[in-house]
Amino acid sequence: MGGLVRTKGTLHLVDHFNKEFRGNKLDDLRTKNIDLTTTPIKSVFEDAAGLNLLELTTIVKHSHSHHPQKKCLLPDSFAGHNHLEKRWLYFLGNHLNVLQPANHIKIRRAIYKVLDDNTYDHIEFDCIETLTQDVLWADEYDNSGAHPDKYLRLVLATPRMDKFTGDPDLELDPQGGYSFRLAPPPPDGSGGGSGGSSGPP
C-alpha cells in the first residue's frame, strides 16, 4: 500500500470527516432532514438518488455544521487554507486526474452503509498516495472499552493532485505547521484517530 500524502489541506479534510461521521453528528446524518427541506439526509446517499460527492457536498446541510452555509461535508473553517475549498471541489468535479466516477460511487456507498446500519459507531477516514486511484474499506473494531465498537475504515488511495503553481484559485497552500486534535487512539492501537494521514488537496 502507498505512503501517506502529507499536505496540510488533506489533514484538515480528514480531521473534519472523522469528526463529522461520529457521535451526535453521525446521529443527525442518520435521522434528520436536510436543512429547510423534508428530505432525509440519509436518503440522498442511496443509489436511487444518483448523486456524486460534489452534488452531495453542495446539498447536505444541517444546523450542527459551523460552515457558513451549513454544509456538513465541508470543514467549518478554511482559515489558513485559502485555496483548500476550491481545490477540494475541483478534485470532486469532472476533471482529469481527480476523483474518478467509480470512486465517487464507492465512497458514497460506504458512507450509506454506515448511515443505514446503527451497529457502526463511526467512520474512520484516511488517504494514501498511490500510482493508481482506488477506494478501500473494511470493518474494524475498537477493543479499548468493555464492549468492542465496530467502525468502518474508509481509505482513498490516489496519486497526488497537481499543485497548479501560479493559479490564483487552485495552487497548493503554503505547507507550514498545522495541528489539530483528534480523539486519542485506544491503548491497544486498534482504532481511533488517524492524525498522520493526508491526501490530494
N, C-alpha and C. Protein backbone atom coordinates (compact mmCIF):
# COMPACT_ATOMS: atom_id res chain seq x y z
N MET A 1 0.85 -1.19 0.00
CA MET A 1 0.00 0.00 0.00
C MET A 1 0.89 1.24 0.00
N GLY A 2 0.40 2.33 -0.52
CA GLY A 2 1.21 3.53 -0.67
C GLY A 2 1.47 4.25 0.62
N GLY A 3 2.31 5.28 0.53
CA GLY A 3 2.63 6.08 1.70
C GLY A 3 1.64 7.22 1.89
N LEU A 4 1.63 7.77 3.09
CA LEU A 4 0.72 8.88 3.40
C LEU A 4 1.15 10.14 2.67
N VAL A 5 0.17 10.86 2.13
CA VAL A 5 0.42 12.13 1.44
C VAL A 5 0.27 13.24 2.46
N ARG A 6 1.32 13.98 2.73
CA ARG A 6 1.28 14.92 3.85
C ARG A 6 1.10 16.36 3.37
N THR A 7 -0.09 16.69 2.90
CA THR A 7 -0.43 18.09 2.68
C THR A 7 -1.35 18.52 3.80
N LYS A 8 -1.18 19.76 4.25
CA LYS A 8 -1.96 20.20 5.41
C LYS A 8 -3.44 20.31 5.05
N GLY A 9 -3.76 20.53 3.76
CA GLY A 9 -5.16 20.61 3.36
C GLY A 9 -5.89 19.29 3.58
N THR A 10 -5.24 18.19 3.20
CA THR A 10 -5.92 16.92 3.38
C THR A 10 -5.95 16.50 4.84
N LEU A 11 -4.95 16.86 5.60
CA LEU A 11 -5.03 16.66 7.05
C LEU A 11 -6.28 17.33 7.60
N HIS A 12 -6.54 18.54 7.12
CA HIS A 12 -7.70 19.31 7.59
C HIS A 12 -9.00 18.62 7.17
N LEU A 13 -9.06 18.12 5.94
CA LEU A 13 -10.25 17.43 5.46
C LEU A 13 -10.49 16.12 6.21
N VAL A 14 -9.43 15.32 6.37
CA VAL A 14 -9.56 14.05 7.08
C VAL A 14 -10.03 14.29 8.51
N ASP A 15 -9.45 15.30 9.14
CA ASP A 15 -9.86 15.65 10.50
C ASP A 15 -11.36 15.98 10.54
N HIS A 16 -11.81 16.77 9.57
CA HIS A 16 -13.23 17.14 9.54
C HIS A 16 -14.12 15.92 9.36
N PHE A 17 -13.82 15.07 8.39
CA PHE A 17 -14.68 13.91 8.14
C PHE A 17 -14.69 12.96 9.32
N ASN A 18 -13.57 12.82 9.99
CA ASN A 18 -13.53 11.92 11.15
C ASN A 18 -14.36 12.45 12.31
N LYS A 19 -14.56 13.76 12.37
CA LYS A 19 -15.44 14.34 13.39
C LYS A 19 -16.90 14.35 12.94
N GLU A 20 -17.13 14.50 11.65
CA GLU A 20 -18.50 14.58 11.13
C GLU A 20 -19.22 13.24 11.23
N PHE A 21 -18.49 12.15 11.00
CA PHE A 21 -19.14 10.85 10.93
C PHE A 21 -18.93 10.05 12.22
N ARG A 22 -19.24 10.70 13.33
CA ARG A 22 -19.22 10.02 14.63
C ARG A 22 -20.10 10.79 15.59
N GLY A 23 -20.52 10.12 16.67
CA GLY A 23 -21.23 10.79 17.75
C GLY A 23 -22.54 11.42 17.31
N ASN A 24 -22.85 12.58 17.91
CA ASN A 24 -24.13 13.25 17.64
C ASN A 24 -24.27 13.69 16.19
N LYS A 25 -23.17 14.07 15.56
CA LYS A 25 -23.25 14.49 14.16
C LYS A 25 -23.64 13.32 13.26
N LEU A 26 -23.07 12.16 13.52
CA LEU A 26 -23.46 10.98 12.76
C LEU A 26 -24.94 10.65 12.99
N ASP A 27 -25.40 10.78 14.23
CA ASP A 27 -26.83 10.56 14.52
C ASP A 27 -27.70 11.50 13.69
N ASP A 28 -27.29 12.76 13.58
CA ASP A 28 -28.05 13.72 12.77
C ASP A 28 -28.10 13.28 11.31
N LEU A 29 -26.97 12.85 10.78
CA LEU A 29 -26.93 12.42 9.38
C LEU A 29 -27.82 11.21 9.14
N ARG A 30 -27.96 10.38 10.15
CA ARG A 30 -28.80 9.19 10.03
C ARG A 30 -30.30 9.50 10.13
N THR A 31 -30.65 10.50 10.93
CA THR A 31 -32.06 10.65 11.32
C THR A 31 -32.71 11.97 10.94
N LYS A 32 -31.94 12.98 10.57
CA LYS A 32 -32.50 14.31 10.33
C LYS A 32 -32.65 14.60 8.85
N ASN A 33 -33.41 15.64 8.56
CA ASN A 33 -33.60 16.10 7.19
C ASN A 33 -32.54 17.15 6.82
N ILE A 34 -32.31 17.30 5.52
CA ILE A 34 -31.51 18.42 5.04
C ILE A 34 -32.20 19.71 5.48
N ASP A 35 -31.41 20.65 5.97
CA ASP A 35 -31.97 21.90 6.48
C ASP A 35 -32.97 22.52 5.50
N LEU A 36 -34.11 22.96 6.05
CA LEU A 36 -35.15 23.67 5.32
C LEU A 36 -35.81 22.81 4.24
N THR A 37 -35.71 21.47 4.38
CA THR A 37 -36.37 20.56 3.44
C THR A 37 -37.04 19.43 4.22
N THR A 38 -37.77 18.61 3.51
CA THR A 38 -38.33 17.39 4.11
C THR A 38 -37.59 16.15 3.63
N THR A 39 -36.39 16.34 3.08
CA THR A 39 -35.60 15.24 2.53
C THR A 39 -34.65 14.69 3.58
N PRO A 40 -34.79 13.42 3.97
CA PRO A 40 -33.84 12.84 4.92
C PRO A 40 -32.42 12.86 4.36
N ILE A 41 -31.47 13.27 5.19
CA ILE A 41 -30.08 13.32 4.73
C ILE A 41 -29.63 11.95 4.24
N LYS A 42 -29.98 10.91 4.98
CA LYS A 42 -29.53 9.56 4.62
C LYS A 42 -29.97 9.17 3.22
N SER A 43 -31.15 9.61 2.82
CA SER A 43 -31.72 9.17 1.54
C SER A 43 -30.92 9.63 0.34
N VAL A 44 -30.24 10.77 0.44
CA VAL A 44 -29.52 11.28 -0.73
C VAL A 44 -28.22 10.53 -0.98
N PHE A 45 -27.81 9.66 -0.04
CA PHE A 45 -26.64 8.82 -0.25
C PHE A 45 -27.00 7.48 -0.90
N GLU A 46 -28.29 7.20 -1.06
CA GLU A 46 -28.71 5.95 -1.68
C GLU A 46 -28.41 5.95 -3.17
N ASP A 47 -28.27 4.75 -3.74
CA ASP A 47 -28.06 4.63 -5.18
C ASP A 47 -29.18 5.30 -5.96
N ALA A 48 -30.41 5.17 -5.46
CA ALA A 48 -31.57 5.71 -6.18
C ALA A 48 -31.48 7.21 -6.39
N ALA A 49 -30.78 7.92 -5.49
CA ALA A 49 -30.67 9.37 -5.63
C ALA A 49 -29.73 9.74 -6.77
N GLY A 50 -28.76 8.88 -7.06
CA GLY A 50 -27.87 9.09 -8.20
C GLY A 50 -26.95 10.28 -8.10
N LEU A 51 -26.57 10.67 -6.89
CA LEU A 51 -25.75 11.87 -6.70
C LEU A 51 -24.27 11.52 -6.52
N ASN A 52 -23.41 12.37 -7.08
CA ASN A 52 -21.98 12.18 -6.82
C ASN A 52 -21.57 13.00 -5.60
N LEU A 53 -20.30 12.90 -5.22
CA LEU A 53 -19.86 13.54 -3.98
C LEU A 53 -19.85 15.06 -4.08
N LEU A 54 -19.64 15.60 -5.27
CA LEU A 54 -19.71 17.06 -5.42
C LEU A 54 -21.13 17.54 -5.18
N GLU A 55 -22.10 16.83 -5.73
CA GLU A 55 -23.50 17.20 -5.52
C GLU A 55 -23.90 17.04 -4.06
N LEU A 56 -23.44 15.98 -3.42
CA LEU A 56 -23.74 15.77 -2.01
C LEU A 56 -23.11 16.86 -1.15
N THR A 57 -21.90 17.25 -1.50
CA THR A 57 -21.23 18.32 -0.75
C THR A 57 -22.02 19.62 -0.83
N THR A 58 -22.69 19.84 -1.93
CA THR A 58 -23.47 21.07 -2.14
C THR A 58 -24.78 21.05 -1.36
N ILE A 59 -25.44 19.90 -1.28
CA ILE A 59 -26.81 19.89 -0.75
C ILE A 59 -26.94 19.42 0.69
N VAL A 60 -25.97 18.64 1.21
CA VAL A 60 -26.13 18.10 2.57
C VAL A 60 -25.81 19.20 3.58
N LYS A 61 -26.86 19.71 4.21
CA LYS A 61 -26.73 20.81 5.16
C LYS A 61 -27.50 20.47 6.43
N HIS A 62 -26.92 20.86 7.56
CA HIS A 62 -27.60 20.69 8.85
C HIS A 62 -27.08 21.74 9.82
N SER A 63 -27.92 22.09 10.77
CA SER A 63 -27.57 23.16 11.71
C SER A 63 -26.38 22.83 12.59
N HIS A 64 -25.99 21.55 12.69
CA HIS A 64 -24.81 21.24 13.52
C HIS A 64 -23.51 21.71 12.86
N SER A 65 -23.56 21.98 11.56
CA SER A 65 -22.37 22.44 10.86
C SER A 65 -22.11 23.91 11.16
N HIS A 66 -20.83 24.25 11.32
CA HIS A 66 -20.44 25.65 11.51
C HIS A 66 -19.88 26.26 10.21
N HIS A 67 -20.00 25.53 9.12
CA HIS A 67 -19.66 26.10 7.82
C HIS A 67 -20.63 27.26 7.56
N PRO A 68 -20.18 28.34 6.91
CA PRO A 68 -21.07 29.49 6.70
C PRO A 68 -22.39 29.14 6.03
N GLN A 69 -22.40 28.10 5.19
CA GLN A 69 -23.64 27.67 4.52
C GLN A 69 -24.17 26.36 5.09
N LYS A 70 -23.68 25.98 6.28
CA LYS A 70 -24.13 24.77 6.98
C LYS A 70 -23.88 23.50 6.17
N LYS A 71 -22.87 23.50 5.33
CA LYS A 71 -22.55 22.32 4.52
C LYS A 71 -21.76 21.33 5.36
N CYS A 72 -22.37 20.19 5.63
CA CYS A 72 -21.78 19.22 6.55
C CYS A 72 -20.52 18.56 5.99
N LEU A 73 -20.39 18.48 4.68
CA LEU A 73 -19.27 17.78 4.08
C LEU A 73 -18.11 18.70 3.74
N LEU A 74 -18.13 19.90 4.28
CA LEU A 74 -17.00 20.82 4.17
C LEU A 74 -16.59 21.23 5.59
N PRO A 75 -15.30 21.49 5.80
CA PRO A 75 -14.85 21.93 7.13
C PRO A 75 -15.55 23.20 7.58
N ASP A 76 -15.64 23.37 8.89
CA ASP A 76 -16.29 24.56 9.44
C ASP A 76 -15.54 25.83 9.07
N SER A 77 -14.24 25.74 8.95
CA SER A 77 -13.41 26.91 8.67
C SER A 77 -12.31 26.54 7.70
N PHE A 78 -11.93 27.49 6.86
CA PHE A 78 -10.79 27.31 5.97
C PHE A 78 -9.68 28.29 6.31
N ALA A 79 -9.67 28.78 7.54
CA ALA A 79 -8.61 29.69 7.98
C ALA A 79 -7.26 29.01 7.82
N GLY A 80 -6.34 29.70 7.16
CA GLY A 80 -5.02 29.13 6.91
C GLY A 80 -4.99 28.18 5.72
N HIS A 81 -6.13 28.02 5.05
CA HIS A 81 -6.24 27.12 3.89
C HIS A 81 -6.98 27.86 2.78
N ASN A 82 -6.37 28.91 2.28
CA ASN A 82 -7.07 29.83 1.38
C ASN A 82 -7.58 29.17 0.10
N HIS A 83 -6.89 28.14 -0.38
CA HIS A 83 -7.27 27.51 -1.65
C HIS A 83 -7.92 26.15 -1.46
N LEU A 84 -8.03 25.69 -0.22
CA LEU A 84 -8.45 24.30 0.01
C LEU A 84 -9.85 24.01 -0.50
N GLU A 85 -10.82 24.89 -0.22
CA GLU A 85 -12.18 24.60 -0.64
C GLU A 85 -12.27 24.46 -2.15
N LYS A 86 -11.65 25.38 -2.89
CA LYS A 86 -11.71 25.31 -4.35
C LYS A 86 -10.94 24.10 -4.88
N ARG A 87 -9.81 23.76 -4.23
CA ARG A 87 -9.06 22.57 -4.66
C ARG A 87 -9.87 21.30 -4.41
N TRP A 88 -10.54 21.23 -3.26
CA TRP A 88 -11.33 20.05 -2.94
C TRP A 88 -12.52 19.91 -3.89
N LEU A 89 -13.22 21.00 -4.16
CA LEU A 89 -14.35 20.94 -5.07
C LEU A 89 -13.87 20.60 -6.50
N TYR A 90 -12.70 21.09 -6.87
CA TYR A 90 -12.12 20.72 -8.16
C TYR A 90 -11.83 19.22 -8.19
N PHE A 91 -11.28 18.70 -7.11
CA PHE A 91 -10.96 17.28 -7.02
C PHE A 91 -12.22 16.43 -7.14
N LEU A 92 -13.34 16.92 -6.62
CA LEU A 92 -14.60 16.19 -6.71
C LEU A 92 -15.31 16.39 -8.04
N GLY A 93 -14.83 17.34 -8.83
CA GLY A 93 -15.51 17.70 -10.08
C GLY A 93 -15.12 16.81 -11.23
N ASN A 94 -15.66 17.12 -12.39
CA ASN A 94 -15.45 16.32 -13.59
C ASN A 94 -14.23 16.83 -14.34
N HIS A 95 -13.06 16.50 -13.79
CA HIS A 95 -11.79 16.94 -14.38
C HIS A 95 -10.87 15.73 -14.50
N LEU A 96 -9.86 15.85 -15.33
CA LEU A 96 -8.86 14.79 -15.45
C LEU A 96 -8.02 14.73 -14.17
N ASN A 97 -7.57 13.53 -13.85
CA ASN A 97 -6.64 13.32 -12.73
C ASN A 97 -7.21 13.74 -11.38
N VAL A 98 -8.53 13.60 -11.24
CA VAL A 98 -9.15 13.87 -9.94
C VAL A 98 -9.97 12.63 -9.56
N LEU A 99 -10.98 12.79 -8.71
CA LEU A 99 -11.70 11.62 -8.24
C LEU A 99 -12.53 10.99 -9.37
N GLN A 100 -12.26 9.73 -9.63
CA GLN A 100 -12.89 9.02 -10.74
C GLN A 100 -14.35 8.69 -10.41
N PRO A 101 -15.23 8.69 -11.41
CA PRO A 101 -16.65 8.43 -11.15
C PRO A 101 -16.92 7.15 -10.37
N ALA A 102 -16.19 6.07 -10.68
CA ALA A 102 -16.41 4.81 -9.96
C ALA A 102 -16.08 4.95 -8.48
N ASN A 103 -15.13 5.83 -8.17
CA ASN A 103 -14.75 6.00 -6.77
C ASN A 103 -15.69 6.94 -6.02
N HIS A 104 -16.34 7.86 -6.73
CA HIS A 104 -17.45 8.59 -6.13
C HIS A 104 -18.47 7.59 -5.59
N ILE A 105 -18.81 6.61 -6.43
CA ILE A 105 -19.83 5.63 -6.06
C ILE A 105 -19.38 4.79 -4.87
N LYS A 106 -18.12 4.34 -4.90
CA LYS A 106 -17.61 3.51 -3.80
C LYS A 106 -17.67 4.25 -2.47
N ILE A 107 -17.25 5.51 -2.47
CA ILE A 107 -17.26 6.28 -1.23
C ILE A 107 -18.69 6.53 -0.76
N ARG A 108 -19.54 6.93 -1.70
CA ARG A 108 -20.94 7.18 -1.32
C ARG A 108 -21.60 5.93 -0.75
N ARG A 109 -21.37 4.79 -1.38
CA ARG A 109 -21.97 3.54 -0.89
C ARG A 109 -21.42 3.14 0.48
N ALA A 110 -20.15 3.37 0.70
CA ALA A 110 -19.57 3.04 2.01
C ALA A 110 -20.18 3.93 3.09
N ILE A 111 -20.35 5.21 2.78
CA ILE A 111 -20.98 6.11 3.76
C ILE A 111 -22.42 5.69 4.02
N TYR A 112 -23.15 5.37 2.95
CA TYR A 112 -24.54 4.95 3.14
C TYR A 112 -24.63 3.68 3.98
N LYS A 113 -23.70 2.77 3.79
CA LYS A 113 -23.66 1.53 4.58
C LYS A 113 -23.68 1.84 6.07
N VAL A 114 -22.91 2.85 6.47
CA VAL A 114 -22.85 3.23 7.89
C VAL A 114 -24.09 4.01 8.31
N LEU A 115 -24.56 4.90 7.46
CA LEU A 115 -25.77 5.66 7.79
C LEU A 115 -26.97 4.75 7.98
N ASP A 116 -26.98 3.64 7.27
CA ASP A 116 -28.13 2.74 7.29
C ASP A 116 -27.99 1.60 8.31
N ASP A 117 -26.91 1.58 9.05
CA ASP A 117 -26.66 0.48 9.99
C ASP A 117 -26.12 1.05 11.31
N ASN A 118 -26.99 1.09 12.30
CA ASN A 118 -26.62 1.70 13.59
C ASN A 118 -25.62 0.88 14.40
N THR A 119 -25.25 -0.29 13.91
CA THR A 119 -24.22 -1.06 14.64
C THR A 119 -22.83 -0.46 14.42
N TYR A 120 -22.69 0.43 13.44
CA TYR A 120 -21.41 1.12 13.23
C TYR A 120 -21.32 2.32 14.17
N ASP A 121 -20.23 2.43 14.87
CA ASP A 121 -20.03 3.54 15.80
C ASP A 121 -19.57 4.80 15.06
N HIS A 122 -18.76 4.65 14.03
CA HIS A 122 -18.26 5.81 13.29
C HIS A 122 -17.56 5.36 12.02
N ILE A 123 -17.14 6.32 11.23
CA ILE A 123 -16.27 6.07 10.06
C ILE A 123 -14.91 6.69 10.36
N GLU A 124 -13.88 5.94 10.06
CA GLU A 124 -12.51 6.43 10.19
C GLU A 124 -11.95 6.62 8.78
N PHE A 125 -11.73 7.87 8.39
CA PHE A 125 -11.25 8.19 7.05
C PHE A 125 -9.74 8.26 7.02
N ASP A 126 -9.18 7.94 5.86
CA ASP A 126 -7.74 8.04 5.67
C ASP A 126 -7.46 8.25 4.20
N CYS A 127 -6.24 8.64 3.87
CA CYS A 127 -5.87 8.88 2.48
C CYS A 127 -4.40 8.53 2.30
N ILE A 128 -4.09 7.79 1.24
CA ILE A 128 -2.71 7.39 0.97
C ILE A 128 -2.36 7.71 -0.47
N GLU A 129 -1.06 7.91 -0.73
CA GLU A 129 -0.59 8.19 -2.08
C GLU A 129 -0.24 6.89 -2.78
N THR A 130 -0.82 6.70 -3.97
CA THR A 130 -0.55 5.53 -4.79
C THR A 130 -0.43 5.95 -6.24
N LEU A 131 -0.02 5.03 -7.10
CA LEU A 131 0.12 5.34 -8.52
C LEU A 131 -1.22 5.34 -9.23
N THR A 132 -2.14 4.52 -8.77
CA THR A 132 -3.48 4.46 -9.35
C THR A 132 -4.50 4.71 -8.25
N GLN A 133 -5.69 5.12 -8.65
CA GLN A 133 -6.71 5.52 -7.66
C GLN A 133 -7.66 4.36 -7.35
N ASP A 134 -7.99 4.24 -6.08
CA ASP A 134 -8.95 3.23 -5.65
C ASP A 134 -9.52 3.66 -4.30
N VAL A 135 -10.58 3.01 -3.88
CA VAL A 135 -11.17 3.23 -2.56
C VAL A 135 -11.20 1.89 -1.84
N LEU A 136 -10.67 1.88 -0.64
CA LEU A 136 -10.57 0.66 0.16
C LEU A 136 -11.38 0.84 1.43
N TRP A 137 -12.09 -0.19 1.84
CA TRP A 137 -12.82 -0.08 3.10
C TRP A 137 -12.89 -1.44 3.77
N ALA A 138 -13.03 -1.41 5.09
CA ALA A 138 -13.09 -2.64 5.87
C ALA A 138 -13.75 -2.36 7.21
N ASP A 139 -14.48 -3.34 7.72
CA ASP A 139 -14.99 -3.27 9.08
C ASP A 139 -13.84 -3.51 10.05
N GLU A 140 -13.74 -2.65 11.06
CA GLU A 140 -12.73 -2.81 12.09
C GLU A 140 -13.39 -2.63 13.46
N TYR A 141 -12.62 -2.94 14.52
CA TYR A 141 -13.18 -2.90 15.87
C TYR A 141 -12.23 -2.18 16.82
N ASP A 142 -12.80 -1.33 17.64
CA ASP A 142 -12.07 -0.66 18.72
C ASP A 142 -12.34 -1.48 19.98
N ASN A 143 -11.31 -2.15 20.45
CA ASN A 143 -11.45 -3.06 21.60
C ASN A 143 -11.01 -2.44 22.91
N SER A 144 -10.93 -1.10 22.96
CA SER A 144 -10.39 -0.46 24.15
C SER A 144 -11.39 -0.42 25.31
N GLY A 145 -12.69 -0.52 25.01
CA GLY A 145 -13.69 -0.44 26.07
C GLY A 145 -14.19 -1.80 26.49
N ALA A 146 -15.23 -1.78 27.32
CA ALA A 146 -15.80 -3.04 27.80
C ALA A 146 -16.44 -3.83 26.67
N HIS A 147 -16.99 -3.09 25.67
CA HIS A 147 -17.62 -3.74 24.53
C HIS A 147 -16.99 -3.20 23.25
N PRO A 148 -16.53 -4.08 22.36
CA PRO A 148 -15.91 -3.60 21.12
C PRO A 148 -16.87 -2.75 20.30
N ASP A 149 -16.35 -1.65 19.75
CA ASP A 149 -17.13 -0.79 18.86
C ASP A 149 -16.74 -1.10 17.42
N LYS A 150 -17.74 -1.44 16.62
CA LYS A 150 -17.48 -1.66 15.19
C LYS A 150 -17.47 -0.32 14.48
N TYR A 151 -16.51 -0.13 13.59
CA TYR A 151 -16.49 1.07 12.77
C TYR A 151 -16.00 0.70 11.37
N LEU A 152 -16.21 1.61 10.44
CA LEU A 152 -15.77 1.40 9.07
C LEU A 152 -14.52 2.22 8.81
N ARG A 153 -13.47 1.59 8.36
CA ARG A 153 -12.28 2.32 7.90
C ARG A 153 -12.41 2.51 6.40
N LEU A 154 -12.34 3.77 5.96
CA LEU A 154 -12.54 4.14 4.56
C LEU A 154 -11.30 4.89 4.08
N VAL A 155 -10.61 4.33 3.10
CA VAL A 155 -9.32 4.87 2.66
C VAL A 155 -9.38 5.21 1.17
N LEU A 156 -9.06 6.46 0.86
CA LEU A 156 -8.89 6.88 -0.52
C LEU A 156 -7.42 6.72 -0.88
N ALA A 157 -7.14 5.87 -1.86
CA ALA A 157 -5.79 5.69 -2.39
C ALA A 157 -5.74 6.44 -3.72
N THR A 158 -4.83 7.40 -3.83
CA THR A 158 -4.86 8.27 -5.01
C THR A 158 -3.49 8.88 -5.28
N PRO A 159 -3.18 9.17 -6.54
CA PRO A 159 -1.99 9.98 -6.82
C PRO A 159 -2.17 11.38 -6.26
N ARG A 160 -1.06 12.08 -6.09
CA ARG A 160 -1.14 13.47 -5.65
C ARG A 160 -1.85 14.32 -6.70
N MET A 161 -2.57 15.31 -6.21
CA MET A 161 -3.22 16.26 -7.11
C MET A 161 -2.21 17.31 -7.56
N ASP A 162 -2.37 17.80 -8.78
CA ASP A 162 -1.49 18.84 -9.31
C ASP A 162 -1.44 20.04 -8.37
N LYS A 163 -0.26 20.63 -8.20
CA LYS A 163 -0.13 21.82 -7.35
C LYS A 163 -0.69 23.08 -8.00
N PHE A 164 -0.89 23.06 -9.32
CA PHE A 164 -1.42 24.22 -10.05
C PHE A 164 -0.63 25.49 -9.71
N THR A 165 0.69 25.38 -9.74
CA THR A 165 1.53 26.53 -9.42
C THR A 165 1.19 27.72 -10.32
N GLY A 166 0.93 28.86 -9.71
CA GLY A 166 0.62 30.07 -10.46
C GLY A 166 -0.86 30.31 -10.66
N ASP A 167 -1.71 29.30 -10.37
CA ASP A 167 -3.15 29.51 -10.48
C ASP A 167 -3.63 30.14 -9.18
N PRO A 168 -4.19 31.34 -9.24
CA PRO A 168 -4.54 32.06 -8.00
C PRO A 168 -5.65 31.39 -7.20
N ASP A 169 -6.41 30.50 -7.82
CA ASP A 169 -7.50 29.83 -7.12
C ASP A 169 -7.16 28.41 -6.68
N LEU A 170 -6.31 27.72 -7.43
CA LEU A 170 -6.13 26.29 -7.22
C LEU A 170 -4.74 25.88 -6.77
N GLU A 171 -3.81 26.82 -6.67
CA GLU A 171 -2.47 26.40 -6.28
C GLU A 171 -2.46 25.91 -4.84
N LEU A 172 -1.50 25.03 -4.55
CA LEU A 172 -1.38 24.44 -3.22
C LEU A 172 -1.04 25.51 -2.20
N ASP A 173 -1.72 25.49 -1.05
CA ASP A 173 -1.42 26.45 0.00
C ASP A 173 -0.04 26.19 0.58
N PRO A 174 0.64 27.24 1.12
CA PRO A 174 1.93 27.04 1.78
C PRO A 174 1.81 25.95 2.85
N GLN A 175 2.80 25.08 2.90
CA GLN A 175 2.73 23.91 3.78
C GLN A 175 3.46 24.15 5.09
N GLY A 176 3.02 25.18 5.81
CA GLY A 176 3.59 25.46 7.13
C GLY A 176 3.06 24.50 8.17
N GLY A 177 3.40 24.76 9.42
CA GLY A 177 2.95 23.90 10.51
C GLY A 177 1.44 23.85 10.60
N TYR A 178 0.95 22.70 10.95
CA TYR A 178 -0.50 22.52 11.08
C TYR A 178 -0.75 21.54 12.20
N SER A 179 -1.68 21.88 13.06
CA SER A 179 -2.01 20.97 14.16
C SER A 179 -3.51 20.90 14.31
N PHE A 180 -3.99 19.76 14.79
CA PHE A 180 -5.40 19.59 15.04
C PHE A 180 -5.56 18.53 16.12
N ARG A 181 -6.76 18.40 16.64
CA ARG A 181 -6.99 17.46 17.72
C ARG A 181 -7.97 16.38 17.28
N LEU A 182 -7.56 15.14 17.42
CA LEU A 182 -8.43 14.02 17.17
C LEU A 182 -8.62 13.25 18.47
N ALA A 183 -9.66 12.42 18.51
CA ALA A 183 -9.82 11.55 19.67
C ALA A 183 -8.58 10.66 19.78
N PRO A 184 -8.00 10.49 20.98
CA PRO A 184 -6.80 9.66 21.11
C PRO A 184 -7.09 8.22 20.77
N PRO A 185 -6.11 7.51 20.16
CA PRO A 185 -6.33 6.10 19.84
C PRO A 185 -6.43 5.27 21.10
N PRO A 186 -7.12 4.13 21.03
CA PRO A 186 -7.20 3.26 22.20
C PRO A 186 -5.83 2.71 22.55
N PRO A 187 -5.63 2.25 23.78
CA PRO A 187 -4.31 1.79 24.22
C PRO A 187 -3.71 0.69 23.37
N ASP A 188 -4.57 -0.19 22.80
CA ASP A 188 -4.02 -1.30 22.01
C ASP A 188 -3.78 -0.93 20.56
N GLY A 189 -4.09 0.34 20.21
CA GLY A 189 -3.82 0.82 18.85
C GLY A 189 -4.76 0.27 17.80
N SER A 190 -5.90 -0.31 18.23
CA SER A 190 -6.78 -0.97 17.27
C SER A 190 -7.76 -0.05 16.58
N GLY A 191 -7.81 1.21 16.99
CA GLY A 191 -8.77 2.11 16.35
C GLY A 191 -8.48 3.52 16.76
N GLY A 192 -9.46 4.43 16.54
CA GLY A 192 -9.30 5.82 16.97
C GLY A 192 -8.81 6.70 15.86
N GLY A 193 -8.13 7.80 16.24
CA GLY A 193 -7.77 8.84 15.29
C GLY A 193 -6.71 8.41 14.30
N SER A 194 -6.63 9.18 13.21
CA SER A 194 -5.62 8.90 12.18
C SER A 194 -4.86 10.18 11.91
N GLY A 195 -4.18 10.68 12.96
CA GLY A 195 -3.59 12.00 12.91
C GLY A 195 -2.46 12.17 11.92
N GLY A 196 -1.87 11.07 11.40
CA GLY A 196 -0.78 11.21 10.46
C GLY A 196 -1.20 11.17 9.03
N SER A 197 -2.48 11.22 8.76
CA SER A 197 -2.97 10.99 7.40
C SER A 197 -3.09 12.28 6.62
N SER A 198 -3.07 12.17 5.31
CA SER A 198 -3.33 13.31 4.47
C SER A 198 -3.64 12.83 3.07
N GLY A 199 -3.81 13.78 2.12
CA GLY A 199 -4.20 13.34 0.79
C GLY A 199 -4.12 14.40 -0.25
N PRO A 200 -4.96 14.35 -1.29
CA PRO A 200 -4.70 15.09 -2.51
C PRO A 200 -4.66 16.61 -2.41
N PRO A 201 -5.62 17.30 -1.74
CA PRO A 201 -5.53 18.75 -1.84
C PRO A 201 -4.40 19.34 -1.01
